[in-house]
Amino acid sequence: MRRFLCCTCQVEESYPPYESERLRSPRNHGDGYPKGSKVSAPVKAELQKEAPPIEVPALSLEELKEKTDNFGSKALIGEGSYGRVYYASLENGKAVAVKKLDVASEPETNVEFLTQVSMVSRLKNENVVELLGYCVEGNLRVLAYEFATMGSLHDILHGRKGVQGAQPGPVLDWIQRVKIAVDAARGLEYLHEKLQPAIIHRDIRSSNVLLFEDFKAKIADFNLSNQAPDMAARLHSTRVLGTFGYHAPE
């Protein structure tokens, strides 16, 4: 019997009697095989990882391409961090914002990405944008969120980001401003304080505050890949994240 360690798995290999005798033969050269023999290297055991359950449906790439004109400029409604956003009306009649994620220089594995999707699919709060579906095809990753009928706060203040010729919206009155600020604060409170484990947004800005009917605000665009594996590391990280102009002063 020969034993070796691979990753965290201990693997045992059993041999028939004649094989055991050959391993003990003095003609063998340290590795149990006669000099000049060709033997394939043992296959290492690999840990099979699976993503946790996802509470939203997987969407077909064919449907997403059809509904966004192959991710064309006519369907483009904005450009956020990590990718471009397109409008689509799915087969079930739901209007969605389809986010086609940029291909990273060091892309995550499918398991890592789907683990993040699983976490986002469980977020249920009236001030956090709801994930409605996802798609993974090779290196292509797409997320479908509920469609913000009034765009983002950035759209109103500066015009739609990434859309040529977009103009700012009407000036907000004080009641609307306070309502948006309170809703955004409640969304952050849910992510930072009420979730276990907490999700630290780390990039809150006007383009990540989406607006719905009656100026209801919801938080969007939190990147779970920025989350450290434990709370202490997250709270004490010295890495600068976020957008210039929106960093906390400390």
Protein backbone atom coordinates (compact mmCIF):
# COMPACT_ATOMS: atom_id res chain seq x y z
CA MET A 1 0.00 0.00 0.00
CA ARG A 2 1.31 3.44 -0.89
CA ARG A 3 0.07 6.67 0.71
CA PHE A 4 0.49 10.27 -0.36
CA LEU A 5 -1.10 13.59 0.55
CA CYS A 6 -2.79 15.84 -1.96
CA CYS A 7 -4.27 19.16 -0.83
CA THR A 8 -6.18 18.28 2.32
CA CYS A 9 -7.18 14.82 1.15
CA GLN A 10 -5.25 11.76 2.27
CA VAL A 11 -5.34 9.19 -0.50
CA GLU A 12 -4.45 5.51 -0.17
CA GLU A 13 -3.58 3.24 -3.07
CA SER A 14 -3.75 -0.56 -2.71
CA TYR A 15 -1.72 -2.95 -4.84
CA PRO A 16 -2.08 -6.68 -5.52
CA PRO A 17 0.54 -9.03 -3.94
CA TYR A 18 2.79 -9.16 -7.03
CA GLU A 19 2.81 -5.36 -7.12
CA SER A 20 3.89 -5.18 -3.48
CA GLU A 21 6.77 -7.57 -4.19
CA ARG A 22 7.88 -5.44 -7.15
CA LEU A 23 7.90 -2.32 -4.98
CA ARG A 24 10.28 -4.06 -2.55
CA SER A 25 12.56 -5.40 -5.30
CA PRO A 26 16.25 -4.34 -5.00
CA ARG A 27 16.27 -3.67 -8.76
CA ASN A 28 13.94 -0.76 -8.24
CA HIS A 29 15.43 2.71 -8.14
CA GLY A 30 13.76 4.49 -5.25
CA ASP A 31 10.44 5.00 -6.95
CA GLY A 32 9.42 1.33 -7.02
CA TYR A 33 9.96 0.89 -10.76
CA PRO A 34 12.92 -0.64 -12.67
CA LYS A 35 15.24 1.76 -14.39
CA GLY A 36 14.05 2.69 -17.86
CA SER A 37 10.41 1.82 -17.27
CA LYS A 38 7.74 4.35 -18.25
CA VAL A 39 4.97 4.82 -15.75
CA SER A 40 2.31 7.48 -15.70
CA ALA A 41 2.37 9.83 -12.75
CA PRO A 42 -0.36 9.22 -10.16
CA VAL A 43 -3.48 11.30 -10.64
CA LYS A 44 -3.99 13.74 -7.83
CA ALA A 45 -7.33 13.81 -6.09
CA GLU A 46 -9.08 17.16 -6.48
CA LEU A 47 -11.61 18.62 -4.14
CA GLN A 48 -14.90 19.11 -5.91
CA LYS A 49 -16.43 22.40 -4.86
CA GLU A 50 -19.98 23.42 -5.52
CA ALA A 51 -21.61 26.82 -5.26
CA PRO A 52 -24.42 27.16 -2.68
CA PRO A 53 -28.03 27.25 -3.93
CA ILE A 54 -29.07 30.34 -5.90
CA GLU A 55 -32.56 31.72 -5.29
CA VAL A 56 -33.03 33.33 -8.72
CA PRO A 57 -33.31 31.60 -12.12
CA ALA A 58 -30.49 31.17 -14.61
CA LEU A 59 -31.17 33.06 -17.85
CA SER A 60 -30.14 31.83 -21.28
CA LEU A 61 -27.55 33.81 -23.20
CA GLU A 62 -29.73 33.53 -26.31
CA GLU A 63 -32.64 35.29 -24.60
CA LEU A 64 -30.40 38.04 -23.22
CA LYS A 65 -28.83 38.67 -26.62
CA GLU A 66 -32.24 38.78 -28.27
CA LYS A 67 -33.70 41.18 -25.72
CA THR A 68 -30.70 43.55 -25.74
CA ASP A 69 -30.10 43.54 -29.51
CA ASN A 70 -26.93 41.52 -28.91
CA PHE A 71 -25.87 43.94 -26.16
CA GLY A 72 -26.13 46.77 -28.69
CA SER A 73 -26.06 50.53 -28.28
CA LYS A 74 -29.83 50.86 -28.71
CA ALA A 75 -30.43 48.94 -25.49
CA LEU A 76 -27.58 50.62 -23.58
CA ILE A 77 -28.92 52.62 -20.63
CA GLY A 78 -25.77 53.27 -18.64
CA GLU A 79 -22.32 52.27 -17.59
CA GLY A 80 -21.56 51.27 -14.03
CA SER A 81 -18.55 49.94 -12.25
CA TYR A 82 -17.57 46.49 -13.54
CA GLY A 83 -19.63 46.66 -16.73
CA ARG A 84 -22.27 48.15 -19.02
CA VAL A 85 -26.01 48.08 -18.34
CA TYR A 86 -28.72 47.34 -20.90
CA TYR A 87 -32.51 47.45 -20.78
CA ALA A 88 -34.44 44.27 -21.52
CA SER A 89 -37.97 42.94 -21.19
CA LEU A 90 -37.75 39.22 -20.48
CA GLU A 91 -40.08 36.49 -21.74
CA ASN A 92 -41.91 36.58 -18.40
CA GLY A 93 -42.72 40.25 -18.96
CA LYS A 94 -40.38 41.66 -16.32
CA ALA A 95 -38.37 44.75 -17.17
CA VAL A 96 -34.77 44.29 -16.08
CA ALA A 97 -31.44 46.07 -16.11
CA VAL A 98 -28.99 43.61 -17.67
CA LYS A 99 -25.45 44.11 -16.46
CA LYS A 100 -22.77 42.56 -18.66
CA LEU A 101 -19.69 42.35 -16.48
CA ASP A 102 -16.28 43.29 -17.83
CA VAL A 103 -13.82 40.42 -18.21
CA ALA A 104 -11.27 40.79 -15.41
CA SER A 105 -7.54 40.39 -15.97
CA GLU A 106 -7.66 37.59 -13.39
CA PRO A 107 -11.20 36.24 -13.73
CA GLU A 108 -12.85 34.38 -10.88
CA THR A 109 -13.72 30.75 -11.20
CA ASN A 110 -17.34 29.90 -11.89
CA VAL A 111 -17.69 28.59 -8.33
CA GLU A 112 -16.42 31.87 -6.86
CA PHE A 113 -18.75 33.92 -9.04
CA LEU A 114 -21.78 31.72 -8.38
CA THR A 115 -21.08 31.88 -4.64
CA GLN A 116 -21.36 35.66 -4.87
CA VAL A 117 -24.54 35.36 -6.94
CA SER A 118 -25.97 33.07 -4.27
CA MET A 119 -25.30 35.68 -1.59
CA VAL A 120 -26.87 38.50 -3.64
CA SER A 121 -29.92 36.37 -4.48
CA ARG A 122 -30.73 36.20 -0.75
CA LEU A 123 -30.73 39.96 -0.18
CA LYS A 124 -34.30 41.00 0.55
CA ASN A 125 -34.77 44.62 1.55
CA GLU A 126 -36.91 47.42 0.16
CA ASN A 127 -33.86 49.68 -0.13
CA VAL A 128 -31.53 47.21 -1.88
CA VAL A 129 -31.89 46.46 -5.60
CA GLU A 130 -33.19 42.92 -6.17
CA LEU A 131 -31.36 40.40 -8.35
CA LEU A 132 -33.78 38.66 -10.74
CA GLY A 133 -31.51 36.38 -12.75
CA TYR A 134 -28.00 35.56 -13.92
CA CYS A 135 -26.09 33.97 -16.80
CA VAL A 136 -22.67 32.28 -16.96
CA GLU A 137 -21.28 31.24 -20.35
CA GLY A 138 -17.51 30.70 -20.46
CA ASN A 139 -15.89 33.97 -19.39
CA LEU A 140 -19.15 35.89 -19.88
CA ARG A 141 -21.01 36.82 -16.69
CA VAL A 142 -24.33 38.66 -16.76
CA LEU A 143 -26.60 39.80 -13.94
CA ALA A 144 -30.23 40.92 -14.33
CA TYR A 145 -31.59 43.34 -11.72
CA GLU A 146 -34.96 44.98 -11.28
CA PHE A 147 -35.20 47.97 -13.60
CA ALA A 148 -34.95 51.40 -11.95
CA THR A 149 -37.68 53.35 -13.72
CA MET A 150 -36.14 56.72 -12.82
CA GLY A 151 -32.52 55.75 -13.41
CA SER A 152 -29.84 56.60 -10.89
CA LEU A 153 -29.21 59.64 -8.74
CA HIS A 154 -26.22 60.30 -11.01
CA ASP A 155 -28.57 60.44 -14.02
CA ILE A 156 -30.59 63.21 -12.41
CA LEU A 157 -27.57 65.16 -11.21
CA HIS A 158 -25.28 64.80 -14.25
CA GLY A 159 -27.02 62.81 -17.03
CA ARG A 160 -26.77 59.12 -17.84
CA LYS A 161 -23.23 57.83 -17.51
CA GLY A 162 -21.84 56.33 -20.71
CA VAL A 163 -24.74 57.62 -22.86
CA GLN A 164 -23.67 60.32 -25.30
CA GLY A 165 -25.67 63.54 -25.13
CA ALA A 166 -27.50 62.62 -21.92
CA GLN A 167 -28.75 65.61 -19.97
CA PRO A 168 -29.30 66.03 -16.21
CA GLY A 169 -32.81 65.68 -14.84
CA PRO A 170 -34.92 68.32 -13.09
CA VAL A 171 -33.56 69.87 -9.91
CA LEU A 172 -34.65 67.92 -6.83
CA ASP A 173 -36.56 69.72 -4.12
CA TRP A 174 -35.60 69.34 -0.46
CA ILE A 175 -38.27 66.74 0.32
CA GLN A 176 -37.05 64.54 -2.54
CA ARG A 177 -33.42 64.97 -1.47
CA VAL A 178 -34.17 63.96 2.12
CA LYS A 179 -36.24 60.96 1.00
CA ILE A 180 -33.42 59.71 -1.24
CA ALA A 181 -30.82 60.21 1.50
CA VAL A 182 -32.90 58.37 4.12
CA ASP A 183 -33.66 55.45 1.78
CA ALA A 184 -29.98 55.12 0.86
CA ALA A 185 -29.01 55.18 4.54
CA ARG A 186 -31.54 52.42 5.29
CA GLY A 187 -30.12 50.29 2.50
CA LEU A 188 -26.61 50.70 3.88
CA GLU A 189 -27.84 49.96 7.39
CA TYR A 190 -29.28 46.67 6.13
CA LEU A 191 -26.04 45.68 4.38
CA HIS A 192 -23.66 46.86 7.11
CA GLU A 193 -25.60 46.18 10.31
CA LYS A 194 -28.50 43.78 9.83
CA LEU A 195 -26.97 41.14 7.56
CA GLN A 196 -24.99 38.29 9.08
CA PRO A 197 -22.32 38.24 7.82
CA ALA A 198 -22.39 41.90 6.89
CA ILE A 199 -21.66 43.16 3.37
CA ILE A 200 -19.54 46.31 3.34
CA HIS A 201 -20.40 48.34 0.24
CA ARG A 202 -17.13 50.33 -0.01
CA ASP A 203 -18.18 52.29 -3.11
CA ILE A 204 -21.34 54.24 -2.32
CA ARG A 205 -21.88 57.10 -4.79
CA SER A 206 -24.64 58.72 -6.83
CA SER A 207 -24.51 56.16 -9.67
CA ASN A 208 -25.01 53.35 -7.14
CA VAL A 209 -28.23 54.86 -5.76
CA LEU A 210 -31.08 53.83 -8.07
CA LEU A 211 -34.46 55.57 -8.13
CA PHE A 212 -37.92 54.08 -8.56
CA GLU A 213 -41.46 55.49 -8.51
CA ASP A 214 -42.01 58.34 -6.08
CA PHE A 215 -38.22 58.76 -5.76
CA LYS A 216 -37.80 55.58 -3.76
CA ALA A 217 -34.05 54.92 -3.54
CA LYS A 218 -32.29 51.55 -3.51
CA ILE A 219 -28.61 50.67 -3.11
CA ALA A 220 -26.89 48.80 -5.96
CA ASP A 221 -23.52 47.72 -7.33
CA PHE A 222 -21.78 46.23 -4.30
CA ASN A 223 -18.85 44.08 -5.36
CA LEU A 224 -18.72 40.98 -3.17
CA SER A 225 -15.25 40.06 -4.44
CA ASN A 226 -13.97 42.96 -2.33
CA GLN A 227 -15.21 41.27 0.84
CA ALA A 228 -12.49 39.85 3.06
CA PRO A 229 -13.22 36.41 4.55
CA ASP A 230 -13.65 37.72 8.09
CA MET A 231 -15.09 40.84 9.70
CA ALA A 232 -11.85 41.94 11.36
CA ALA A 233 -10.01 41.99 8.06
CA ARG A 234 -12.83 43.93 6.42
CA LEU A 235 -12.97 46.59 9.10
CA HIS A 236 -9.21 47.03 9.43
CA SER A 237 -8.22 46.83 5.77
CA THR A 238 -5.91 49.66 4.68
CA ARG A 239 -6.65 49.12 1.00
CA VAL A 240 -8.26 52.18 -0.61
CA LEU A 241 -11.44 51.24 -2.45
CA GLY A 242 -14.28 53.25 -3.90
CA THR A 243 -14.52 56.34 -6.08
CA PHE A 244 -12.56 59.57 -5.77
CA GLY A 245 -14.79 62.30 -4.40
CA TYR A 246 -16.95 59.85 -2.43
CA HIS A 247 -14.38 58.47 0.01
CA ALA A 248 -15.12 58.90 3.71
CA PRO A 249 -12.73 61.57 5.09
CA GLU A 250 -11.07 59.12 7.46
